[in-house]
Amino acid sequence: MPQSASEKRDRFARMFPDRVEKAVKQFQLISNCSSKSNYEYSRETVAKVWVHLLDAMMNSADDFGLEIDFTINGKTLSEVSSSGSITSLFEPTQPEVSSAGTLF
């Protein structure tokens, strides 16, 4: 049975605020990782992660018919975006081996 506009508005009013609050809390948890006394990270890796997050936010806004733009250090997302998965940024790096089989 199709839902009325009123039922859809009510469901949106119930669901949307809670989901937004959960997203905000997740951003607060992400910010906890900025503590250099507890974590080691490169600025490049963090920038790539933020590109990923901001791209997801732009896509979500687009779903609502909104156009938003972000910049990172004065560059647009398309200027700093990178391909690949976010998890690949955190994979342990393997030591390079020369053709002679010795580590550099």
PDB file of N, CA and C in Angstrom:
ATOM      1  N   MET A   1       0.841  -1.176   0.000  1.00  0.00           N
ATOM      2  CA  MET A   1       0.000   0.000   0.000  1.00  0.00           C
ATOM      3  C   MET A   1       0.890   1.245   0.000  1.00  0.00           C
ATOM      4  N   PRO A   2       0.702   2.160  -0.928  1.00  0.00           N
ATOM      5  CA  PRO A   2       1.525   3.363  -1.006  1.00  0.00           C
ATOM      6  C   PRO A   2       1.365   4.240   0.241  1.00  0.00           C
ATOM      7  N   GLN A   3       2.456   4.863   0.610  1.00  0.00           N
ATOM      8  CA  GLN A   3       2.431   5.752   1.772  1.00  0.00           C
ATOM      9  C   GLN A   3       2.024   7.160   1.341  1.00  0.00           C
ATOM     10  N   SER A   4       1.329   7.832   2.234  1.00  0.00           N
ATOM     11  CA  SER A   4       0.926   9.211   1.953  1.00  0.00           C
ATOM     12  C   SER A   4       2.123  10.141   2.147  1.00  0.00           C
ATOM     13  N   ALA A   5       2.024  11.345   1.632  1.00  0.00           N
ATOM     14  CA  ALA A   5       3.078  12.340   1.798  1.00  0.00           C
ATOM     15  C   ALA A   5       3.316  12.620   3.278  1.00  0.00           C
ATOM     16  N   SER A   6       2.260  12.642   4.045  1.00  0.00           N
ATOM     17  CA  SER A   6       2.373  12.891   5.487  1.00  0.00           C
ATOM     18  C   SER A   6       3.173  11.785   6.176  1.00  0.00           C
ATOM     19  N   GLU A   7       2.897  10.536   5.802  1.00  0.00           N
ATOM     20  CA  GLU A   7       3.631   9.404   6.381  1.00  0.00           C
ATOM     21  C   GLU A   7       5.108   9.461   5.997  1.00  0.00           C
ATOM     22  N   LYS A   8       5.387   9.839   4.764  1.00  0.00           N
ATOM     23  CA  LYS A   8       6.771   9.958   4.311  1.00  0.00           C
ATOM     24  C   LYS A   8       7.507  11.071   5.059  1.00  0.00           C
ATOM     25  N   ARG A   9       6.840  12.208   5.261  1.00  0.00           N
ATOM     26  CA  ARG A   9       7.441  13.318   6.019  1.00  0.00           C
ATOM     27  C   ARG A   9       7.722  12.887   7.456  1.00  0.00           C
ATOM     28  N   ASP A  10       6.766  12.197   8.059  1.00  0.00           N
ATOM     29  CA  ASP A  10       6.942  11.732   9.437  1.00  0.00           C
ATOM     30  C   ASP A  10       8.121  10.765   9.546  1.00  0.00           C
ATOM     31  N   ARG A  11       8.223   9.860   8.603  1.00  0.00           N
ATOM     32  CA  ARG A  11       9.328   8.896   8.620  1.00  0.00           C
ATOM     33  C   ARG A  11      10.661   9.614   8.437  1.00  0.00           C
ATOM     34  N   PHE A  12      10.702  10.584   7.529  1.00  0.00           N
ATOM     35  CA  PHE A  12      11.920  11.369   7.330  1.00  0.00           C
ATOM     36  C   PHE A  12      12.297  12.098   8.617  1.00  0.00           C
ATOM     37  N   ALA A  13      11.319  12.720   9.268  1.00  0.00           N
ATOM     38  CA  ALA A  13      11.560  13.461  10.510  1.00  0.00           C
ATOM     39  C   ALA A  13      12.045  12.546  11.632  1.00  0.00           C
ATOM     40  N   ARG A  14      11.665  11.286  11.594  1.00  0.00           N
ATOM     41  CA  ARG A  14      12.123  10.307  12.591  1.00  0.00           C
ATOM     42  C   ARG A  14      13.525   9.816  12.284  1.00  0.00           C
ATOM     43  N   MET A  15      13.808   9.532  11.032  1.00  0.00           N
ATOM     44  CA  MET A  15      15.048   8.867  10.646  1.00  0.00           C
ATOM     45  C   MET A  15      16.219   9.835  10.437  1.00  0.00           C
ATOM     46  N   PHE A  16      15.977  10.936   9.761  1.00  0.00           N
ATOM     47  CA  PHE A  16      17.050  11.815   9.310  1.00  0.00           C
ATOM     48  C   PHE A  16      17.876  12.411  10.451  1.00  0.00           C
ATOM     49  N   PRO A  17      17.245  13.028  11.471  1.00  0.00           N
ATOM     50  CA  PRO A  17      18.061  13.631  12.535  1.00  0.00           C
ATOM     51  C   PRO A  17      18.983  12.636  13.241  1.00  0.00           C
ATOM     52  N   ASP A  18      18.496  11.445  13.500  1.00  0.00           N
ATOM     53  CA  ASP A  18      19.311  10.434  14.178  1.00  0.00           C
ATOM     54  C   ASP A  18      20.514  10.028  13.317  1.00  0.00           C
ATOM     55  N   ARG A  19      20.300   9.879  12.034  1.00  0.00           N
ATOM     56  CA  ARG A  19      21.396   9.508  11.136  1.00  0.00           C
ATOM     57  C   ARG A  19      22.425  10.624  11.027  1.00  0.00           C
ATOM     58  N   VAL A  20      21.964  11.868  11.024  1.00  0.00           N
ATOM     59  CA  VAL A  20      22.888  12.998  10.988  1.00  0.00           C
ATOM     60  C   VAL A  20      23.719  13.022  12.275  1.00  0.00           C
ATOM     61  N   GLU A  21      23.076  12.837  13.414  1.00  0.00           N
ATOM     62  CA  GLU A  21      23.805  12.828  14.688  1.00  0.00           C
ATOM     63  C   GLU A  21      24.840  11.702  14.735  1.00  0.00           C
ATOM     64  N   LYS A  22      24.507  10.547  14.198  1.00  0.00           N
ATOM     65  CA  LYS A  22      25.469   9.438  14.151  1.00  0.00           C
ATOM     66  C   LYS A  22      26.667   9.809  13.278  1.00  0.00           C
ATOM     67  N   ALA A  23      26.415  10.477  12.162  1.00  0.00           N
ATOM     68  CA  ALA A  23      27.510  10.897  11.281  1.00  0.00           C
ATOM     69  C   ALA A  23      28.405  11.908  11.993  1.00  0.00           C
ATOM     70  N   VAL A  24      27.805  12.857  12.699  1.00  0.00           N
ATOM     71  CA  VAL A  24      28.574  13.860  13.441  1.00  0.00           C
ATOM     72  C   VAL A  24      29.438  13.179  14.500  1.00  0.00           C
ATOM     73  N   LYS A  25      28.893  12.212  15.201  1.00  0.00           N
ATOM     74  CA  LYS A  25      29.660  11.487  16.223  1.00  0.00           C
ATOM     75  C   LYS A  25      30.825  10.730  15.590  1.00  0.00           C
ATOM     76  N   GLN A  26      30.619  10.174  14.410  1.00  0.00           N
ATOM     77  CA  GLN A  26      31.698   9.477  13.729  1.00  0.00           C
ATOM     78  C   GLN A  26      32.822  10.444  13.350  1.00  0.00           C
ATOM     79  N   PHE A  27      32.460  11.661  12.943  1.00  0.00           N
ATOM     80  CA  PHE A  27      33.480  12.666  12.649  1.00  0.00           C
ATOM     81  C   PHE A  27      34.254  13.039  13.911  1.00  0.00           C
ATOM     82  N   GLN A  28      33.576  13.087  15.044  1.00  0.00           N
ATOM     83  CA  GLN A  28      34.267  13.359  16.305  1.00  0.00           C
ATOM     84  C   GLN A  28      35.261  12.248  16.623  1.00  0.00           C
ATOM     85  N   LEU A  29      34.875  11.006  16.358  1.00  0.00           N
ATOM     86  CA  LEU A  29      35.794   9.881  16.571  1.00  0.00           C
ATOM     87  C   LEU A  29      36.981   9.947  15.618  1.00  0.00           C
ATOM     88  N   ILE A  30      36.723  10.351  14.381  1.00  0.00           N
ATOM     89  CA  ILE A  30      37.814  10.520  13.415  1.00  0.00           C
ATOM     90  C   ILE A  30      38.787  11.578  13.924  1.00  0.00           C
ATOM     91  N   SER A  31      38.249  12.677  14.461  1.00  0.00           N
ATOM     92  CA  SER A  31      39.103  13.750  14.985  1.00  0.00           C
ATOM     93  C   SER A  31      39.993  13.265  16.125  1.00  0.00           C
ATOM     94  N   ASN A  32      39.533  12.284  16.885  1.00  0.00           N
ATOM     95  CA  ASN A  32      40.362  11.739  17.968  1.00  0.00           C
ATOM     96  C   ASN A  32      41.669  11.172  17.433  1.00  0.00           C
ATOM     97  N   CYS A  33      41.672  10.729  16.186  1.00  0.00           N
ATOM     98  CA  CYS A  33      42.885  10.156  15.592  1.00  0.00           C
ATOM     99  C   CYS A  33      43.916  11.220  15.220  1.00  0.00           C
ATOM    100  N   SER A  34      43.590  12.500  15.411  1.00  0.00           N
ATOM    101  CA  SER A  34      44.531  13.562  15.059  1.00  0.00           C
ATOM    102  C   SER A  34      45.614  13.765  16.115  1.00  0.00           C
ATOM    103  N   SER A  35      45.482  13.123  17.242  1.00  0.00           N
ATOM    104  CA  SER A  35      46.451  13.282  18.331  1.00  0.00           C
ATOM    105  C   SER A  35      47.796  12.666  17.940  1.00  0.00           C
ATOM    106  N   LYS A  36      48.779  13.541  17.683  1.00  0.00           N
ATOM    107  CA  LYS A  36      50.119  13.057  17.292  1.00  0.00           C
ATOM    108  C   LYS A  36      50.808  12.307  18.442  1.00  0.00           C
ATOM    109  N   SER A  37      50.348  12.513  19.682  1.00  0.00           N
ATOM    110  CA  SER A  37      50.962  11.782  20.791  1.00  0.00           C
ATOM    111  C   SER A  37      50.497  10.327  20.828  1.00  0.00           C
ATOM    112  N   ASN A  38      49.396  10.036  20.127  1.00  0.00           N
ATOM    113  CA  ASN A  38      48.867   8.667  20.109  1.00  0.00           C
ATOM    114  C   ASN A  38      48.934   7.995  18.754  1.00  0.00           C
ATOM    115  N   TYR A  39      49.057   8.784  17.682  1.00  0.00           N
ATOM    116  CA  TYR A  39      48.995   8.229  16.338  1.00  0.00           C
ATOM    117  C   TYR A  39      50.088   8.822  15.463  1.00  0.00           C
ATOM    118  N   GLU A  40      50.523   8.049  14.504  1.00  0.00           N
ATOM    119  CA  GLU A  40      51.497   8.499  13.510  1.00  0.00           C
ATOM    120  C   GLU A  40      50.817   8.428  12.151  1.00  0.00           C
ATOM    121  N   TYR A  41      50.877   9.504  11.395  1.00  0.00           N
ATOM    122  CA  TYR A  41      50.236   9.533  10.082  1.00  0.00           C
ATOM    123  C   TYR A  41      50.913  10.597   9.233  1.00  0.00           C
ATOM    124  N   SER A  42      50.748  10.446   7.936  1.00  0.00           N
ATOM    125  CA  SER A  42      51.288  11.457   7.033  1.00  0.00           C
ATOM    126  C   SER A  42      50.172  12.405   6.624  1.00  0.00           C
ATOM    127  N   ARG A  43      50.534  13.625   6.363  1.00  0.00           N
ATOM    128  CA  ARG A  43      49.574  14.632   5.915  1.00  0.00           C
ATOM    129  C   ARG A  43      48.944  14.196   4.588  1.00  0.00           C
ATOM    130  N   GLU A  44      49.731  13.554   3.736  1.00  0.00           N
ATOM    131  CA  GLU A  44      49.230  13.078   2.440  1.00  0.00           C
ATOM    132  C   GLU A  44      48.139  12.025   2.620  1.00  0.00           C
ATOM    133  N   THR A  45      48.356  11.088   3.527  1.00  0.00           N
ATOM    134  CA  THR A  45      47.353  10.052   3.778  1.00  0.00           C
ATOM    135  C   THR A  45      46.072  10.662   4.315  1.00  0.00           C
ATOM    136  N   VAL A  46      46.201  11.580   5.259  1.00  0.00           N
ATOM    137  CA  VAL A  46      45.029  12.223   5.841  1.00  0.00           C
ATOM    138  C   VAL A  46      44.272  13.014   4.775  1.00  0.00           C
ATOM    139  N   ALA A  47      44.991  13.708   3.911  1.00  0.00           N
ATOM    140  CA  ALA A  47      44.337  14.464   2.837  1.00  0.00           C
ATOM    141  C   ALA A  47      43.555  13.531   1.925  1.00  0.00           C
ATOM    142  N   LYS A  48      44.124  12.377   1.596  1.00  0.00           N
ATOM    143  CA  LYS A  48      43.420  11.415   0.732  1.00  0.00           C
ATOM    144  C   LYS A  48      42.160  10.882   1.408  1.00  0.00           C
ATOM    145  N   VAL A  49      42.231  10.651   2.693  1.00  0.00           N
ATOM    146  CA  VAL A  49      41.057  10.181   3.427  1.00  0.00           C
ATOM    147  C   VAL A  49      39.975  11.257   3.425  1.00  0.00           C
ATOM    148  N   TRP A  50      40.373  12.513   3.644  1.00  0.00           N
ATOM    149  CA  TRP A  50      39.399  13.597   3.628  1.00  0.00           C
ATOM    150  C   TRP A  50      38.782  13.773   2.252  1.00  0.00           C
ATOM    151  N   VAL A  51      39.541  13.577   1.213  1.00  0.00           N
ATOM    152  CA  VAL A  51      38.972  13.623  -0.141  1.00  0.00           C
ATOM    153  C   VAL A  51      37.875  12.572  -0.264  1.00  0.00           C
ATOM    154  N   HIS A  52      38.149  11.392   0.230  1.00  0.00           N
ATOM    155  CA  HIS A  52      37.169  10.302   0.191  1.00  0.00           C
ATOM    156  C   HIS A  52      35.903  10.674   0.975  1.00  0.00           C
ATOM    157  N   LEU A  53      36.078  11.210   2.182  1.00  0.00           N
ATOM    158  CA  LEU A  53      34.934  11.598   3.007  1.00  0.00           C
ATOM    159  C   LEU A  53      34.122  12.722   2.359  1.00  0.00           C
ATOM    160  N   LEU A  54      34.818  13.727   1.864  1.00  0.00           N
ATOM    161  CA  LEU A  54      34.124  14.863   1.260  1.00  0.00           C
ATOM    162  C   LEU A  54      33.409  14.467  -0.024  1.00  0.00           C
ATOM    163  N   ASP A  55      34.003  13.555  -0.772  1.00  0.00           N
ATOM    164  CA  ASP A  55      33.348  13.060  -1.983  1.00  0.00           C
ATOM    165  C   ASP A  55      32.039  12.348  -1.627  1.00  0.00           C
ATOM    166  N   ALA A  56      32.065  11.560  -0.556  1.00  0.00           N
ATOM    167  CA  ALA A  56      30.847  10.874  -0.108  1.00  0.00           C
ATOM    168  C   ALA A  56      29.796  11.892   0.325  1.00  0.00           C
ATOM    169  N   MET A  57      30.230  12.961   1.002  1.00  0.00           N
ATOM    170  CA  MET A  57      29.287  14.003   1.417  1.00  0.00           C
ATOM    171  C   MET A  57      28.691  14.719   0.206  1.00  0.00           C
ATOM    172  N   MET A  58      29.514  14.993  -0.794  1.00  0.00           N
ATOM    173  CA  MET A  58      29.011  15.645  -2.010  1.00  0.00           C
ATOM    174  C   MET A  58      27.998  14.766  -2.721  1.00  0.00           C
ATOM    175  N   ASN A  59      28.273  13.463  -2.781  1.00  0.00           N
ATOM    176  CA  ASN A  59      27.332  12.538  -3.425  1.00  0.00           C
ATOM    177  C   ASN A  59      26.009  12.478  -2.667  1.00  0.00           C
ATOM    178  N   SER A  60      26.082  12.483  -1.344  1.00  0.00           N
ATOM    179  CA  SER A  60      24.865  12.462  -0.537  1.00  0.00           C
ATOM    180  C   SER A  60      24.068  13.754  -0.735  1.00  0.00           C
ATOM    181  N   ALA A  61      24.747  14.890  -0.730  1.00  0.00           N
ATOM    182  CA  ALA A  61      24.062  16.167  -0.961  1.00  0.00           C
ATOM    183  C   ALA A  61      23.406  16.182  -2.330  1.00  0.00           C
ATOM    184  N   ASP A  62      24.097  15.623  -3.327  1.00  0.00           N
ATOM    185  CA  ASP A  62      23.549  15.555  -4.675  1.00  0.00           C
ATOM    186  C   ASP A  62      22.250  14.747  -4.699  1.00  0.00           C
ATOM    187  N   ASP A  63      22.191  13.689  -3.893  1.00  0.00           N
ATOM    188  CA  ASP A  63      20.968  12.883  -3.808  1.00  0.00           C
ATOM    189  C   ASP A  63      19.779  13.729  -3.326  1.00  0.00           C
ATOM    190  N   PHE A  64      20.063  14.787  -2.561  1.00  0.00           N
ATOM    191  CA  PHE A  64      19.020  15.684  -2.065  1.00  0.00           C
ATOM    192  C   PHE A  64      18.824  16.890  -2.976  1.00  0.00           C
ATOM    193  N   GLY A  65      19.519  16.897  -4.103  1.00  0.00           N
ATOM    194  CA  GLY A  65      19.385  18.000  -5.042  1.00  0.00           C
ATOM    195  C   GLY A  65      20.213  19.219  -4.673  1.00  0.00           C
ATOM    196  N   LEU A  66      21.234  19.022  -3.850  1.00  0.00           N
ATOM    197  CA  LEU A  66      22.107  20.113  -3.431  1.00  0.00           C
ATOM    198  C   LEU A  66      23.463  19.983  -4.097  1.00  0.00           C
ATOM    199  N   GLU A  67      24.025  21.106  -4.480  1.00  0.00           N
ATOM    200  CA  GLU A  67      25.368  21.102  -5.045  1.00  0.00           C
ATOM    201  C   GLU A  67      26.285  21.789  -4.041  1.00  0.00           C
ATOM    202  N   ILE A  68      27.260  21.052  -3.528  1.00  0.00           N
ATOM    203  CA  ILE A  68      28.223  21.628  -2.595  1.00  0.00           C
ATOM    204  C   ILE A  68      29.619  21.403  -3.142  1.00  0.00           C
ATOM    205  N   ASP A  69      30.501  22.314  -2.797  1.00  0.00           N
ATOM    206  CA  ASP A  69      31.891  22.222  -3.238  1.00  0.00           C
ATOM    207  C   ASP A  69      32.789  22.334  -2.021  1.00  0.00           C
ATOM    208  N   PHE A  70      33.891  21.619  -2.059  1.00  0.00           N
ATOM    209  CA  PHE A  70      34.882  21.671  -0.998  1.00  0.00           C
ATOM    210  C   PHE A  70      36.246  21.943  -1.618  1.00  0.00           C
ATOM    211  N   THR A  71      37.108  22.554  -0.831  1.00  0.00           N
ATOM    212  CA  THR A  71      38.504  22.687  -1.222  1.00  0.00           C
ATOM    213  C   THR A  71      39.362  22.194  -0.062  1.00  0.00           C
ATOM    214  N   ILE A  72      40.532  21.690  -0.402  1.00  0.00           N
ATOM    215  CA  ILE A  72      41.523  21.282   0.587  1.00  0.00           C
ATOM    216  C   ILE A  72      42.784  22.075   0.279  1.00  0.00           C
ATOM    217  N   ASN A  73      43.154  22.934   1.219  1.00  0.00           N
ATOM    218  CA  ASN A  73      44.321  23.803   1.038  1.00  0.00           C
ATOM    219  C   ASN A  73      44.248  24.558  -0.287  1.00  0.00           C
ATOM    220  N   GLY A  74      43.050  25.050  -0.611  1.00  0.00           N
ATOM    221  CA  GLY A  74      42.867  25.861  -1.807  1.00  0.00           C
ATOM    222  C   GLY A  74      42.689  25.095  -3.107  1.00  0.00           C
ATOM    223  N   LYS A  75      42.733  23.774  -3.056  1.00  0.00           N
ATOM    224  CA  LYS A  75      42.555  22.958  -4.258  1.00  0.00           C
ATOM    225  C   LYS A  75      41.199  22.266  -4.207  1.00  0.00           C
ATOM    226  N   THR A  76      40.568  22.142  -5.378  1.00  0.00           N
ATOM    227  CA  THR A  76      39.288  21.435  -5.435  1.00  0.00           C
ATOM    228  C   THR A  76      39.520  19.943  -5.240  1.00  0.00           C
ATOM    229  N   LEU A  77      38.451  19.237  -4.937  1.00  0.00           N
ATOM    230  CA  LEU A  77      38.584  17.788  -4.727  1.00  0.00           C
ATOM    231  C   LEU A  77      39.102  17.085  -5.973  1.00  0.00           C
ATOM    232  N   SER A  78      38.660  17.520  -7.141  1.00  0.00           N
ATOM    233  CA  SER A  78      39.123  16.857  -8.366  1.00  0.00           C
ATOM    234  C   SER A  78      40.626  17.074  -8.574  1.00  0.00           C
ATOM    235  N   GLU A  79      41.159  18.183  -8.070  1.00  0.00           N
ATOM    236  CA  GLU A  79      42.597  18.439  -8.201  1.00  0.00           C
ATOM    237  C   GLU A  79      43.433  17.573  -7.266  1.00  0.00           C
ATOM    238  N   VAL A  80      42.851  17.156  -6.150  1.00  0.00           N
ATOM    239  CA  VAL A  80      43.613  16.374  -5.182  1.00  0.00           C
ATOM    240  C   VAL A  80      43.131  14.937  -5.065  1.00  0.00           C
ATOM    241  N   SER A  81      42.090  14.575  -5.814  1.00  0.00           N
ATOM    242  CA  SER A  81      41.542  13.225  -5.669  1.00  0.00           C
ATOM    243  C   SER A  81      42.522  12.186  -6.185  1.00  0.00           C
ATOM    244  N   SER A  82      42.365  11.008  -5.633  1.00  0.00           N
ATOM    245  CA  SER A  82      43.210   9.891  -6.046  1.00  0.00           C
ATOM    246  C   SER A  82      42.345   8.660  -6.201  1.00  0.00           C
ATOM    247  N   SER A  83      42.811   7.752  -6.987  1.00  0.00           N
ATOM    248  CA  SER A  83      42.057   6.519  -7.169  1.00  0.00           C
ATOM    249  C   SER A  83      42.532   5.485  -6.153  1.00  0.00           C
ATOM    250  N   GLY A  84      41.799   4.432  -6.052  1.00  0.00           N
ATOM    251  CA  GLY A  84      42.151   3.368  -5.123  1.00  0.00           C
ATOM    252  C   GLY A  84      41.274   3.412  -3.885  1.00  0.00           C
ATOM    253  N   SER A  85      41.349   2.353  -3.130  1.00  0.00           N
ATOM    254  CA  SER A  85      40.518   2.258  -1.941  1.00  0.00           C
ATOM    255  C   SER A  85      41.212   2.929  -0.757  1.00  0.00           C
ATOM    256  N   ILE A  86      40.428   3.359   0.191  1.00  0.00           N
ATOM    257  CA  ILE A  86      40.975   3.969   1.394  1.00  0.00           C
ATOM    258  C   ILE A  86      41.796   2.956   2.178  1.00  0.00           C
ATOM    259  N   THR A  87      41.337   1.713   2.242  1.00  0.00           N
ATOM    260  CA  THR A  87      42.071   0.714   3.017  1.00  0.00           C
ATOM    261  C   THR A  87      43.470   0.491   2.466  1.00  0.00           C
ATOM    262  N   SER A  88      43.660   0.702   1.164  1.00  0.00           N
ATOM    263  CA  SER A  88      45.001   0.504   0.596  1.00  0.00           C
ATOM    264  C   SER A  88      45.994   1.524   1.138  1.00  0.00           C
ATOM    265  N   LEU A  89      45.507   2.665   1.630  1.00  0.00           N
ATOM    266  CA  LEU A  89      46.403   3.663   2.215  1.00  0.00           C
ATOM    267  C   LEU A  89      47.017   3.178   3.518  1.00  0.00           C
ATOM    268  N   PHE A  90      46.403   2.196   4.139  1.00  0.00           N
ATOM    269  CA  PHE A  90      46.831   1.754   5.455  1.00  0.00           C
ATOM    270  C   PHE A  90      47.457   0.366   5.460  1.00  0.00           C
ATOM    271  N   GLU A  91      47.671  -0.197   4.283  1.00  0.00           N
ATOM    272  CA  GLU A  91      48.315  -1.503   4.216  1.00  0.00           C
ATOM    273  C   GLU A  91      49.790  -1.338   4.541  1.00  0.00           C
ATOM    274  N   PRO A  92      50.347  -2.292   5.287  1.00  0.00           N
ATOM    275  CA  PRO A  92      51.769  -2.178   5.617  1.00  0.00           C
ATOM    276  C   PRO A  92      52.614  -2.188   4.346  1.00  0.00           C
ATOM    277  N   THR A  93      53.611  -1.351   4.332  1.00  0.00           N
ATOM    278  CA  THR A  93      54.492  -1.320   3.165  1.00  0.00           C
ATOM    279  C   THR A  93      55.552  -2.398   3.309  1.00  0.00           C
ATOM    280  N   GLN A  94      55.899  -2.980   2.192  1.00  0.00           N
ATOM    281  CA  GLN A  94      56.926  -4.010   2.172  1.00  0.00           C
ATOM    282  C   GLN A  94      58.273  -3.343   1.906  1.00  0.00           C
ATOM    283  N   PRO A  95      59.329  -3.823   2.558  1.00  0.00           N
ATOM    284  CA  PRO A  95      60.650  -3.257   2.273  1.00  0.00           C
ATOM    285  C   PRO A  95      61.041  -3.540   0.830  1.00  0.00           C
ATOM    286  N   GLU A  96      61.678  -2.539   0.206  1.00  0.00           N
ATOM    287  CA  GLU A  96      62.120  -2.719  -1.167  1.00  0.00           C
ATOM    288  C   GLU A  96      63.344  -3.627  -1.186  1.00  0.00           C
ATOM    289  N   VAL A  97      63.383  -4.479  -2.194  1.00  0.00           N
ATOM    290  CA  VAL A  97      64.498  -5.404  -2.339  1.00  0.00           C
ATOM    291  C   VAL A  97      65.178  -5.112  -3.677  1.00  0.00           C
ATOM    292  N   SER A  98      66.500  -4.998  -3.657  1.00  0.00           N
ATOM    293  CA  SER A  98      67.220  -4.743  -4.905  1.00  0.00           C
ATOM    294  C   SER A  98      67.279  -6.011  -5.737  1.00  0.00           C
ATOM    295  N   SER A  99      67.711  -5.872  -6.961  1.00  0.00           N
ATOM    296  CA  SER A  99      67.813  -7.038  -7.830  1.00  0.00           C
ATOM    297  C   SER A  99      68.810  -8.054  -7.284  1.00  0.00           C
ATOM    298  N   ALA A 100      69.725  -7.620  -6.425  1.00  0.00           N
ATOM    299  CA  ALA A 100      70.692  -8.530  -5.824  1.00  0.00           C
ATOM    300  C   ALA A 100      70.112  -9.226  -4.609  1.00  0.00           C
ATOM    301  N   GLY A 101      68.889  -8.848  -4.226  1.00  0.00           N
ATOM    302  CA  GLY A 101      68.238  -9.517  -3.103  1.00  0.00           C
ATOM    303  C   GLY A 101      68.523  -8.879  -1.768  1.00  0.00           C
ATOM    304  N   THR A 102      69.152  -7.727  -1.739  1.00  0.00           N
ATOM    305  CA  THR A 102      69.430  -7.068  -0.466  1.00  0.00           C
ATOM    306  C   THR A 102      68.442  -5.936  -0.242  1.00  0.00           C
ATOM    307  N   LEU A 103      68.178  -5.631   1.008  1.00  0.00           N
ATOM    308  CA  LEU A 103      67.283  -4.535   1.333  1.00  0.00           C
ATOM    309  C   LEU A 103      68.001  -3.209   1.164  1.00  0.00           C
ATOM    310  N   PHE A 104      67.327  -2.202   0.677  1.00  0.00           N
ATOM    311  CA  PHE A 104      67.903  -0.848   0.581  1.00  0.00           C
ATOM    312  C   PHE A 104      67.813  -0.230   1.943  1.00  0.00           C
TER     313      PHE A 104
END
